[in-house]
All heavy atoms as atom14 arrays in JSON, in Angstrom:
{
  "sequence": "LVLSKTSQVQVVEVVLNNIPYNVVDMKNLGLTNDNEVLVPVEIPY",
  "atom14_mask": [
    [1, 1, 1, 1, 1, 1, 1, 1, 0, 0, 0, 0, 0, 0],
    [1, 1, 1, 1, 1, 1, 1, 0, 0, 0, 0, 0, 0, 0],
    [1, 1, 1, 1, 1, 1, 1, 1, 0, 0, 0, 0, 0, 0],
    [1, 1, 1, 1, 1, 1, 0, 0, 0, 0, 0, 0, 0, 0],
    [1, 1, 1, 1, 1, 1, 1, 1, 1, 0, 0, 0, 0, 0],
    [1, 1, 1, 1, 1, 1, 1, 0, 0, 0, 0, 0, 0, 0],
    [1, 1, 1, 1, 1, 1, 0, 0, 0, 0, 0, 0, 0, 0],
    [1, 1, 1, 1, 1, 1, 1, 1, 1, 0, 0, 0, 0, 0],
    [1, 1, 1, 1, 1, 1, 1, 0, 0, 0, 0, 0, 0, 0],
    [1, 1, 1, 1, 1, 1, 1, 1, 1, 0, 0, 0, 0, 0],
    [1, 1, 1, 1, 1, 1, 1, 0, 0, 0, 0, 0, 0, 0],
    [1, 1, 1, 1, 1, 1, 1, 0, 0, 0, 0, 0, 0, 0],
    [1, 1, 1, 1, 1, 1, 1, 1, 1, 0, 0, 0, 0, 0],
    [1, 1, 1, 1, 1, 1, 1, 0, 0, 0, 0, 0, 0, 0],
    [1, 1, 1, 1, 1, 1, 1, 0, 0, 0, 0, 0, 0, 0],
    [1, 1, 1, 1, 1, 1, 1, 1, 0, 0, 0, 0, 0, 0],
    [1, 1, 1, 1, 1, 1, 1, 1, 0, 0, 0, 0, 0, 0],
    [1, 1, 1, 1, 1, 1, 1, 1, 0, 0, 0, 0, 0, 0],
    [1, 1, 1, 1, 1, 1, 1, 1, 0, 0, 0, 0, 0, 0],
    [1, 1, 1, 1, 1, 1, 1, 0, 0, 0, 0, 0, 0, 0],
    [1, 1, 1, 1, 1, 1, 1, 1, 1, 1, 1, 1, 0, 0],
    [1, 1, 1, 1, 1, 1, 1, 1, 0, 0, 0, 0, 0, 0],
    [1, 1, 1, 1, 1, 1, 1, 0, 0, 0, 0, 0, 0, 0],
    [1, 1, 1, 1, 1, 1, 1, 0, 0, 0, 0, 0, 0, 0],
    [1, 1, 1, 1, 1, 1, 1, 1, 0, 0, 0, 0, 0, 0],
    [1, 1, 1, 1, 1, 1, 1, 1, 0, 0, 0, 0, 0, 0],
    [1, 1, 1, 1, 1, 1, 1, 1, 1, 0, 0, 0, 0, 0],
    [1, 1, 1, 1, 1, 1, 1, 1, 0, 0, 0, 0, 0, 0],
    [1, 1, 1, 1, 1, 1, 1, 1, 0, 0, 0, 0, 0, 0],
    [1, 1, 1, 1, 0, 0, 0, 0, 0, 0, 0, 0, 0, 0],
    [1, 1, 1, 1, 1, 1, 1, 1, 0, 0, 0, 0, 0, 0],
    [1, 1, 1, 1, 1, 1, 1, 0, 0, 0, 0, 0, 0, 0],
    [1, 1, 1, 1, 1, 1, 1, 1, 0, 0, 0, 0, 0, 0],
    [1, 1, 1, 1, 1, 1, 1, 1, 0, 0, 0, 0, 0, 0],
    [1, 1, 1, 1, 1, 1, 1, 1, 0, 0, 0, 0, 0, 0],
    [1, 1, 1, 1, 1, 1, 1, 1, 1, 0, 0, 0, 0, 0],
    [1, 1, 1, 1, 1, 1, 1, 0, 0, 0, 0, 0, 0, 0],
    [1, 1, 1, 1, 1, 1, 1, 1, 0, 0, 0, 0, 0, 0],
    [1, 1, 1, 1, 1, 1, 1, 0, 0, 0, 0, 0, 0, 0],
    [1, 1, 1, 1, 1, 1, 1, 0, 0, 0, 0, 0, 0, 0],
    [1, 1, 1, 1, 1, 1, 1, 0, 0, 0, 0, 0, 0, 0],
    [1, 1, 1, 1, 1, 1, 1, 1, 1, 0, 0, 0, 0, 0],
    [1, 1, 1, 1, 1, 1, 1, 1, 0, 0, 0, 0, 0, 0],
    [1, 1, 1, 1, 1, 1, 1, 0, 0, 0, 0, 0, 0, 0],
    [1, 1, 1, 1, 1, 1, 1, 1, 1, 1, 1, 1, 0, 0]
  ],
  "atom14_positions": [
    [[2.02, -6.32, 13.83], [2.44, -5.26, 14.73], [1.42, -5.05, 15.84], [1.78, -4.85, 17.01], [2.66, -3.96, 13.95], [3.32, -2.82, 14.72], [4.72, -3.22, 15.18], [3.41, -1.55, 13.85], [0.0, 0.0, 0.0], [0.0, 0.0, 0.0], [0.0, 0.0, 0.0], [0.0, 0.0, 0.0], [0.0, 0.0, 0.0], [0.0, 0.0, 0.0]],
    [[0.13, -5.11, 15.5], [-0.92, -4.95, 16.51], [-0.8, -6.05, 17.57], [-0.82, -5.79, 18.78], [-2.31, -4.97, 15.86], [-3.41, -5.11, 16.92], [-2.54, -3.7, 15.04], [0.0, 0.0, 0.0], [0.0, 0.0, 0.0], [0.0, 0.0, 0.0], [0.0, 0.0, 0.0], [0.0, 0.0, 0.0], [0.0, 0.0, 0.0], [0.0, 0.0, 0.0]],
    [[-0.66, -7.3, 17.13], [-0.59, -8.42, 18.08], [0.68, -8.38, 18.91], [0.69, -8.82, 20.07], [-0.7, -9.74, 17.32], [-2.07, -10.05, 16.71], [-2.01, -11.31, 15.86], [-3.14, -10.19, 17.79], [0.0, 0.0, 0.0], [0.0, 0.0, 0.0], [0.0, 0.0, 0.0], [0.0, 0.0, 0.0], [0.0, 0.0, 0.0], [0.0, 0.0, 0.0]],
    [[1.77, -7.85, 18.34], [3.03, -7.81, 19.09], [3.05, -6.69, 20.13], [3.74, -6.79, 21.14], [4.22, -7.63, 18.13], [4.21, -6.35, 17.52], [0.0, 0.0, 0.0], [0.0, 0.0, 0.0], [0.0, 0.0, 0.0], [0.0, 0.0, 0.0], [0.0, 0.0, 0.0], [0.0, 0.0, 0.0], [0.0, 0.0, 0.0], [0.0, 0.0, 0.0]],
    [[2.29, -5.62, 19.89], [2.34, -4.45, 20.78], [1.16, -4.35, 21.74], [1.2, -3.57, 22.68], [2.44, -3.17, 19.96], [3.8, -2.98, 19.3], [3.99, -1.55, 18.82], [5.41, -1.3, 18.35], [5.64, 0.12, 17.97], [0.0, 0.0, 0.0], [0.0, 0.0, 0.0], [0.0, 0.0, 0.0], [0.0, 0.0, 0.0], [0.0, 0.0, 0.0]],
    [[0.08, -5.1, 21.49], [-1.1, -5.03, 22.36], [-1.48, -6.43, 22.81], [-2.2, -7.15, 22.11], [-2.29, -4.34, 21.64], [-2.51, -5.0, 20.38], [-1.99, -2.88, 21.39], [0.0, 0.0, 0.0], [0.0, 0.0, 0.0], [0.0, 0.0, 0.0], [0.0, 0.0, 0.0], [0.0, 0.0, 0.0], [0.0, 0.0, 0.0], [0.0, 0.0, 0.0]],
    [[-0.99, -6.8, 23.98], [-1.22, -8.16, 24.47], [-2.69, -8.41, 24.79], [-3.12, -9.57, 24.85], [-0.37, -8.4, 25.73], [-0.71, -7.46, 26.74], [0.0, 0.0, 0.0], [0.0, 0.0, 0.0], [0.0, 0.0, 0.0], [0.0, 0.0, 0.0], [0.0, 0.0, 0.0], [0.0, 0.0, 0.0], [0.0, 0.0, 0.0], [0.0, 0.0, 0.0]],
    [[-3.48, -7.35, 24.99], [-4.9, -7.52, 25.32], [-5.71, -7.99, 24.13], [-6.8, -8.55, 24.29], [-5.49, -6.21, 25.83], [-4.75, -5.6, 27.02], [-3.66, -4.62, 26.59], [-3.12, -4.72, 25.49], [-3.33, -3.68, 27.46], [0.0, 0.0, 0.0], [0.0, 0.0, 0.0], [0.0, 0.0, 0.0], [0.0, 0.0, 0.0], [0.0, 0.0, 0.0]],
    [[-5.21, -7.77, 22.91], [-5.95, -8.12, 21.69], [-5.7, -9.58, 21.35], [-4.55, -10.05, 21.31], [-5.52, -7.2, 20.53], [-6.09, -7.71, 19.21], [-5.98, -5.78, 20.79], [0.0, 0.0, 0.0], [0.0, 0.0, 0.0], [0.0, 0.0, 0.0], [0.0, 0.0, 0.0], [0.0, 0.0, 0.0], [0.0, 0.0, 0.0], [0.0, 0.0, 0.0]],
    [[-6.78, -10.32, 21.09], [-6.67, -11.75, 20.79], [-6.8, -12.04, 19.3], [-6.14, -12.94, 18.78], [-7.77, -12.52, 21.55], [-7.71, -12.33, 23.05], [-6.39, -12.77, 23.64], [-5.83, -13.79, 23.26], [-5.88, -11.98, 24.58], [0.0, 0.0, 0.0], [0.0, 0.0, 0.0], [0.0, 0.0, 0.0], [0.0, 0.0, 0.0], [0.0, 0.0, 0.0]],
    [[-7.66, -11.3, 18.61], [-7.9, -11.5, 17.18], [-8.01, -10.13, 16.52], [-8.62, -9.22, 17.1], [-9.2, -12.3, 16.91], [-9.47, -12.43, 15.42], [-9.11, -13.68, 17.54], [0.0, 0.0, 0.0], [0.0, 0.0, 0.0], [0.0, 0.0, 0.0], [0.0, 0.0, 0.0], [0.0, 0.0, 0.0], [0.0, 0.0, 0.0], [0.0, 0.0, 0.0]],
    [[-7.41, -9.98, 15.34], [-7.51, -8.7, 14.63], [-7.85, -8.97, 13.16], [-7.23, -9.81, 12.51], [-6.22, -7.87, 14.76], [-5.0, -8.62, 14.26], [-6.36, -6.54, 14.03], [0.0, 0.0, 0.0], [0.0, 0.0, 0.0], [0.0, 0.0, 0.0], [0.0, 0.0, 0.0], [0.0, 0.0, 0.0], [0.0, 0.0, 0.0], [0.0, 0.0, 0.0]],
    [[-8.88, -8.28, 12.68], [-9.32, -8.38, 11.29], [-8.99, -7.06, 10.6], [-9.26, -5.99, 11.14], [-10.82, -8.63, 11.22], [-11.4, -8.59, 9.8], [-12.93, -8.55, 9.78], [-13.54, -8.5, 10.87], [-13.5, -8.56, 8.67], [0.0, 0.0, 0.0], [0.0, 0.0, 0.0], [0.0, 0.0, 0.0], [0.0, 0.0, 0.0], [0.0, 0.0, 0.0]],
    [[-8.41, -7.15, 9.4], [-8.11, -5.95, 8.63], [-8.64, -6.13, 7.22], [-8.41, -7.17, 6.59], [-6.59, -5.66, 8.58], [-6.3, -4.46, 7.68], [-6.05, -5.39, 9.98], [0.0, 0.0, 0.0], [0.0, 0.0, 0.0], [0.0, 0.0, 0.0], [0.0, 0.0, 0.0], [0.0, 0.0, 0.0], [0.0, 0.0, 0.0], [0.0, 0.0, 0.0]],
    [[-9.35, -5.13, 6.73], [-9.81, -5.08, 5.34], [-9.23, -3.83, 4.71], [-9.34, -2.73, 5.27], [-11.35, -5.06, 5.24], [-11.8, -5.0, 3.78], [-11.95, -6.26, 5.95], [0.0, 0.0, 0.0], [0.0, 0.0, 0.0], [0.0, 0.0, 0.0], [0.0, 0.0, 0.0], [0.0, 0.0, 0.0], [0.0, 0.0, 0.0], [0.0, 0.0, 0.0]],
    [[-8.59, -3.99, 3.56], [-8.05, -2.86, 2.82], [-8.78, -2.76, 1.49], [-8.69, -3.67, 0.65], [-6.55, -3.05, 2.58], [-5.75, -1.87, 1.98], [-4.26, -2.09, 2.2], [-6.0, -1.67, 0.5], [0.0, 0.0, 0.0], [0.0, 0.0, 0.0], [0.0, 0.0, 0.0], [0.0, 0.0, 0.0], [0.0, 0.0, 0.0], [0.0, 0.0, 0.0]],
    [[-9.53, -1.69, 1.32], [-10.18, -1.4, 0.03], [-9.24, -0.52, -0.78], [-8.96, 0.63, -0.41], [-11.52, -0.69, 0.25], [-12.56, -1.6, 0.85], [-12.83, -2.67, 0.33], [-13.14, -1.19, 1.97], [0.0, 0.0, 0.0], [0.0, 0.0, 0.0], [0.0, 0.0, 0.0], [0.0, 0.0, 0.0], [0.0, 0.0, 0.0], [0.0, 0.0, 0.0]],
    [[-8.75, -1.06, -1.89], [-7.76, -0.37, -2.7], [-8.39, 0.76, -3.52], [-9.43, 0.58, -4.16], [-7.08, -1.38, -3.65], [-6.19, -0.71, -4.65], [-5.52, 0.28, -4.34], [-6.18, -1.22, -5.87], [0.0, 0.0, 0.0], [0.0, 0.0, 0.0], [0.0, 0.0, 0.0], [0.0, 0.0, 0.0], [0.0, 0.0, 0.0], [0.0, 0.0, 0.0]],
    [[-7.74, 1.93, -3.52], [-8.15, 3.06, -4.35], [-7.01, 3.35, -5.31], [-6.06, 4.05, -4.95], [-8.49, 4.3, -3.51], [-9.54, 3.96, -2.45], [-8.97, 5.44, -4.4], [-9.79, 5.06, -1.45], [0.0, 0.0, 0.0], [0.0, 0.0, 0.0], [0.0, 0.0, 0.0], [0.0, 0.0, 0.0], [0.0, 0.0, 0.0], [0.0, 0.0, 0.0]],
    [[-7.04, 2.79, -6.52], [-5.92, 2.98, -7.45], [-5.93, 4.36, -8.1], [-6.98, 5.0, -8.2], [-6.14, 1.88, -8.5], [-7.61, 1.64, -8.48], [-8.07, 1.88, -7.06], [0.0, 0.0, 0.0], [0.0, 0.0, 0.0], [0.0, 0.0, 0.0], [0.0, 0.0, 0.0], [0.0, 0.0, 0.0], [0.0, 0.0, 0.0], [0.0, 0.0, 0.0]],
    [[-4.75, 4.79, -8.53], [-4.59, 6.05, -9.26], [-3.91, 5.76, -10.59], [-2.91, 5.02, -10.63], [-3.75, 7.05, -8.47], [-4.49, 7.74, -7.35], [-4.78, 7.06, -6.16], [-4.92, 9.05, -7.48], [-5.47, 7.7, -5.14], [-5.61, 9.69, -6.46], [-5.88, 9.01, -5.3], [-6.57, 9.64, -4.29], [0.0, 0.0, 0.0], [0.0, 0.0, 0.0]],
    [[-4.45, 6.29, -11.66], [-3.87, 6.12, -12.99], [-3.15, 7.38, -13.43], [-3.65, 8.5, -13.23], [-4.96, 5.76, -14.01], [-5.5, 4.36, -13.81], [-4.85, 3.51, -13.2], [-6.69, 4.11, -14.32], [0.0, 0.0, 0.0], [0.0, 0.0, 0.0], [0.0, 0.0, 0.0], [0.0, 0.0, 0.0], [0.0, 0.0, 0.0], [0.0, 0.0, 0.0]],
    [[-1.99, 7.19, -14.06], [-1.23, 8.32, -14.59], [-1.92, 8.85, -15.84], [-2.32, 8.09, -16.72], [0.22, 7.89, -14.92], [1.0, 9.07, -15.51], [0.91, 7.35, -13.68], [0.0, 0.0, 0.0], [0.0, 0.0, 0.0], [0.0, 0.0, 0.0], [0.0, 0.0, 0.0], [0.0, 0.0, 0.0], [0.0, 0.0, 0.0], [0.0, 0.0, 0.0]],
    [[-2.09, 10.16, -15.91], [-2.73, 10.79, -17.06], [-1.75, 10.83, -18.23], [-0.61, 11.27, -18.09], [-3.19, 12.22, -16.72], [-3.82, 12.88, -17.95], [-4.18, 12.19, -15.56], [0.0, 0.0, 0.0], [0.0, 0.0, 0.0], [0.0, 0.0, 0.0], [0.0, 0.0, 0.0], [0.0, 0.0, 0.0], [0.0, 0.0, 0.0], [0.0, 0.0, 0.0]],
    [[-2.2, 10.32, -19.4], [-1.38, 10.36, -20.62], [-1.44, 11.77, -21.21], [-2.5, 12.22, -21.66], [-1.89, 9.33, -21.62], [-0.97, 9.21, -22.85], [-0.02, 10.02, -22.98], [-1.21, 8.3, -23.67], [0.0, 0.0, 0.0], [0.0, 0.0, 0.0], [0.0, 0.0, 0.0], [0.0, 0.0, 0.0], [0.0, 0.0, 0.0], [0.0, 0.0, 0.0]],
    [[-0.3, 12.45, -21.21], [-0.24, 13.84, -21.69], [0.57, 14.0, -22.98], [0.95, 15.11, -23.34], [0.33, 14.74, -20.6], [-0.56, 14.89, -19.39], [0.07, 16.11, -18.21], [-1.35, 16.33, -17.15], [0.0, 0.0, 0.0], [0.0, 0.0, 0.0], [0.0, 0.0, 0.0], [0.0, 0.0, 0.0], [0.0, 0.0, 0.0], [0.0, 0.0, 0.0]],
    [[0.8, 12.87, -23.67], [1.6, 12.94, -24.9], [0.94, 13.83, -25.94], [1.61, 14.58, -26.65], [1.8, 11.53, -25.46], [2.71, 10.64, -24.61], [2.82, 9.25, -25.19], [3.67, 8.34, -24.31], [3.72, 6.95, -24.83], [0.0, 0.0, 0.0], [0.0, 0.0, 0.0], [0.0, 0.0, 0.0], [0.0, 0.0, 0.0], [0.0, 0.0, 0.0]],
    [[-0.39, 13.74, -26.07], [-1.1, 14.57, -27.06], [-1.05, 16.06, -26.7], [-1.34, 16.92, -27.54], [-2.56, 14.13, -27.18], [-2.68, 12.76, -27.81], [-1.78, 12.31, -28.52], [-3.79, 12.08, -27.54], [0.0, 0.0, 0.0], [0.0, 0.0, 0.0], [0.0, 0.0, 0.0], [0.0, 0.0, 0.0], [0.0, 0.0, 0.0], [0.0, 0.0, 0.0]],
    [[-0.68, 16.35, -25.46], [-0.54, 17.74, -25.03], [0.91, 18.2, -25.1], [1.24, 19.31, -24.69], [-1.06, 17.9, -23.6], [-2.54, 17.52, -23.37], [-2.88, 17.58, -21.9], [-3.45, 18.43, -24.18], [0.0, 0.0, 0.0], [0.0, 0.0, 0.0], [0.0, 0.0, 0.0], [0.0, 0.0, 0.0], [0.0, 0.0, 0.0], [0.0, 0.0, 0.0]],
    [[1.78, 17.31, -25.62], [3.18, 17.65, -25.76], [3.95, 17.65, -24.46], [5.0, 18.31, -24.34], [0.0, 0.0, 0.0], [0.0, 0.0, 0.0], [0.0, 0.0, 0.0], [0.0, 0.0, 0.0], [0.0, 0.0, 0.0], [0.0, 0.0, 0.0], [0.0, 0.0, 0.0], [0.0, 0.0, 0.0], [0.0, 0.0, 0.0], [0.0, 0.0, 0.0]],
    [[3.45, 16.88, -23.47], [4.1, 16.85, -22.16], [4.42, 15.42, -21.75], [3.74, 14.48, -22.14], [3.17, 17.48, -21.11], [2.83, 18.96, -21.27], [1.78, 19.37, -20.25], [4.07, 19.83, -21.13], [0.0, 0.0, 0.0], [0.0, 0.0, 0.0], [0.0, 0.0, 0.0], [0.0, 0.0, 0.0], [0.0, 0.0, 0.0], [0.0, 0.0, 0.0]],
    [[5.46, 15.29, -20.97], [5.81, 14.01, -20.35], [5.33, 14.03, -18.92], [5.7, 14.92, -18.14], [7.33, 13.78, -20.39], [7.77, 13.76, -21.75], [7.68, 12.45, -19.73], [0.0, 0.0, 0.0], [0.0, 0.0, 0.0], [0.0, 0.0, 0.0], [0.0, 0.0, 0.0], [0.0, 0.0, 0.0], [0.0, 0.0, 0.0], [0.0, 0.0, 0.0]],
    [[4.51, 13.07, -18.57], [3.94, 13.0, -17.23], [4.63, 11.88, -16.45], [4.32, 10.71, -16.62], [2.44, 12.75, -17.31], [1.78, 12.79, -15.93], [2.39, 13.22, -14.95], [0.55, 12.32, -15.86], [0.0, 0.0, 0.0], [0.0, 0.0, 0.0], [0.0, 0.0, 0.0], [0.0, 0.0, 0.0], [0.0, 0.0, 0.0], [0.0, 0.0, 0.0]],
    [[5.59, 12.25, -15.63], [6.36, 11.28, -14.86], [5.7, 11.08, -13.49], [6.24, 11.48, -12.45], [7.81, 11.77, -14.69], [8.7, 10.73, -14.01], [8.3, 9.54, -13.99], [9.76, 11.11, -13.48], [0.0, 0.0, 0.0], [0.0, 0.0, 0.0], [0.0, 0.0, 0.0], [0.0, 0.0, 0.0], [0.0, 0.0, 0.0], [0.0, 0.0, 0.0]],
    [[4.54, 10.44, -13.52], [3.79, 10.16, -12.29], [3.54, 11.42, -11.46], [3.56, 11.39, -10.22], [4.53, 9.13, -11.43], [4.46, 7.74, -12.01], [3.83, 7.51, -13.04], [5.12, 6.8, -11.37], [0.0, 0.0, 0.0], [0.0, 0.0, 0.0], [0.0, 0.0, 0.0], [0.0, 0.0, 0.0], [0.0, 0.0, 0.0], [0.0, 0.0, 0.0]],
    [[3.29, 12.52, -12.14], [3.07, 13.79, -11.44], [1.59, 14.19, -11.41], [1.15, 14.88, -10.49], [3.89, 14.9, -12.1], [5.4, 14.67, -11.99], [6.18, 15.54, -12.97], [5.81, 15.58, -14.15], [7.15, 16.17, -12.54], [0.0, 0.0, 0.0], [0.0, 0.0, 0.0], [0.0, 0.0, 0.0], [0.0, 0.0, 0.0], [0.0, 0.0, 0.0]],
    [[0.84, 13.78, -12.43], [-0.59, 14.05, -12.47], [-1.32, 12.72, -12.62], [-1.1, 12.0, -13.61], [-0.97, 15.0, -13.63], [-2.48, 15.25, -13.63], [-0.22, 16.32, -13.52], [0.0, 0.0, 0.0], [0.0, 0.0, 0.0], [0.0, 0.0, 0.0], [0.0, 0.0, 0.0], [0.0, 0.0, 0.0], [0.0, 0.0, 0.0], [0.0, 0.0, 0.0]],
    [[-2.14, 12.39, -11.63], [-2.85, 11.11, -11.62], [-4.3, 11.35, -11.28], [-4.66, 12.36, -10.66], [-2.23, 10.14, -10.61], [-0.72, 9.89, -10.71], [0.01, 10.77, -9.71], [-0.39, 8.43, -10.46], [0.0, 0.0, 0.0], [0.0, 0.0, 0.0], [0.0, 0.0, 0.0], [0.0, 0.0, 0.0], [0.0, 0.0, 0.0], [0.0, 0.0, 0.0]],
    [[-5.16, 10.42, -11.69], [-6.57, 10.51, -11.37], [-6.99, 9.24, -10.63], [-6.55, 8.13, -10.97], [-7.44, 10.7, -12.64], [-7.16, 12.04, -13.26], [-7.22, 9.58, -13.64], [0.0, 0.0, 0.0], [0.0, 0.0, 0.0], [0.0, 0.0, 0.0], [0.0, 0.0, 0.0], [0.0, 0.0, 0.0], [0.0, 0.0, 0.0], [0.0, 0.0, 0.0]],
    [[-7.84, 9.38, -9.61], [-8.28, 8.19, -8.88], [-9.29, 7.38, -9.67], [-10.11, 7.93, -10.4], [-8.92, 8.78, -7.62], [-9.4, 10.13, -8.04], [-8.4, 10.63, -9.06], [0.0, 0.0, 0.0], [0.0, 0.0, 0.0], [0.0, 0.0, 0.0], [0.0, 0.0, 0.0], [0.0, 0.0, 0.0], [0.0, 0.0, 0.0], [0.0, 0.0, 0.0]],
    [[-9.21, 6.07, -9.53], [-10.19, 5.16, -10.12], [-11.13, 4.76, -8.99], [-10.8, 3.91, -8.15], [-9.51, 3.92, -10.74], [-10.55, 3.01, -11.38], [-8.47, 4.35, -11.77], [0.0, 0.0, 0.0], [0.0, 0.0, 0.0], [0.0, 0.0, 0.0], [0.0, 0.0, 0.0], [0.0, 0.0, 0.0], [0.0, 0.0, 0.0], [0.0, 0.0, 0.0]],
    [[-12.29, 5.39, -8.93], [-13.18, 5.2, -7.78], [-13.81, 3.81, -7.74], [-14.0, 3.24, -6.67], [-14.27, 6.27, -7.79], [-13.73, 7.69, -7.61], [-13.13, 7.93, -6.23], [-13.37, 7.12, -5.32], [-12.43, 8.94, -6.07], [0.0, 0.0, 0.0], [0.0, 0.0, 0.0], [0.0, 0.0, 0.0], [0.0, 0.0, 0.0], [0.0, 0.0, 0.0]],
    [[-14.19, 3.28, -8.9], [-14.8, 1.96, -8.94], [-14.27, 1.23, -10.16], [-13.92, 1.86, -11.16], [-16.35, 2.03, -8.98], [-16.8, 2.96, -10.11], [-16.91, 2.44, -7.65], [-18.3, 3.01, -10.3], [0.0, 0.0, 0.0], [0.0, 0.0, 0.0], [0.0, 0.0, 0.0], [0.0, 0.0, 0.0], [0.0, 0.0, 0.0], [0.0, 0.0, 0.0]],
    [[-14.21, -0.11, -10.16], [-14.54, -0.96, -9.02], [-13.38, -1.05, -8.04], [-12.22, -0.95, -8.42], [-14.79, -2.32, -9.69], [-13.88, -2.31, -10.88], [-13.84, -0.88, -11.36], [0.0, 0.0, 0.0], [0.0, 0.0, 0.0], [0.0, 0.0, 0.0], [0.0, 0.0, 0.0], [0.0, 0.0, 0.0], [0.0, 0.0, 0.0], [0.0, 0.0, 0.0]],
    [[-13.72, -1.23, -6.77], [-12.71, -1.43, -5.74], [-12.17, -2.86, -5.79], [-12.93, -3.81, -5.93], [-13.31, -1.23, -4.35], [-13.34, 0.2, -3.86], [-14.54, 0.77, -3.47], [-12.17, 0.95, -3.77], [-14.58, 2.08, -2.99], [-12.2, 2.26, -3.29], [-13.41, 2.81, -2.91], [-13.45, 4.09, -2.44], [0.0, 0.0, 0.0], [0.0, 0.0, 0.0]]
  ]
}
C-alpha cells in the first residue's frame, strides 16, 4: 500500500514485533472466559 500510494518512496522496510495475549483460564473460578479477559505476554517477542 505504501509503494502504491507514495511514488516518491523507493524502498520500505517494516518490522512487526508481536505482542501476544493469552486467554485467562477461569474454570477454577466457575466462569467461562470467551476471549473476554486476556493477559499480555511481554517476552519473548
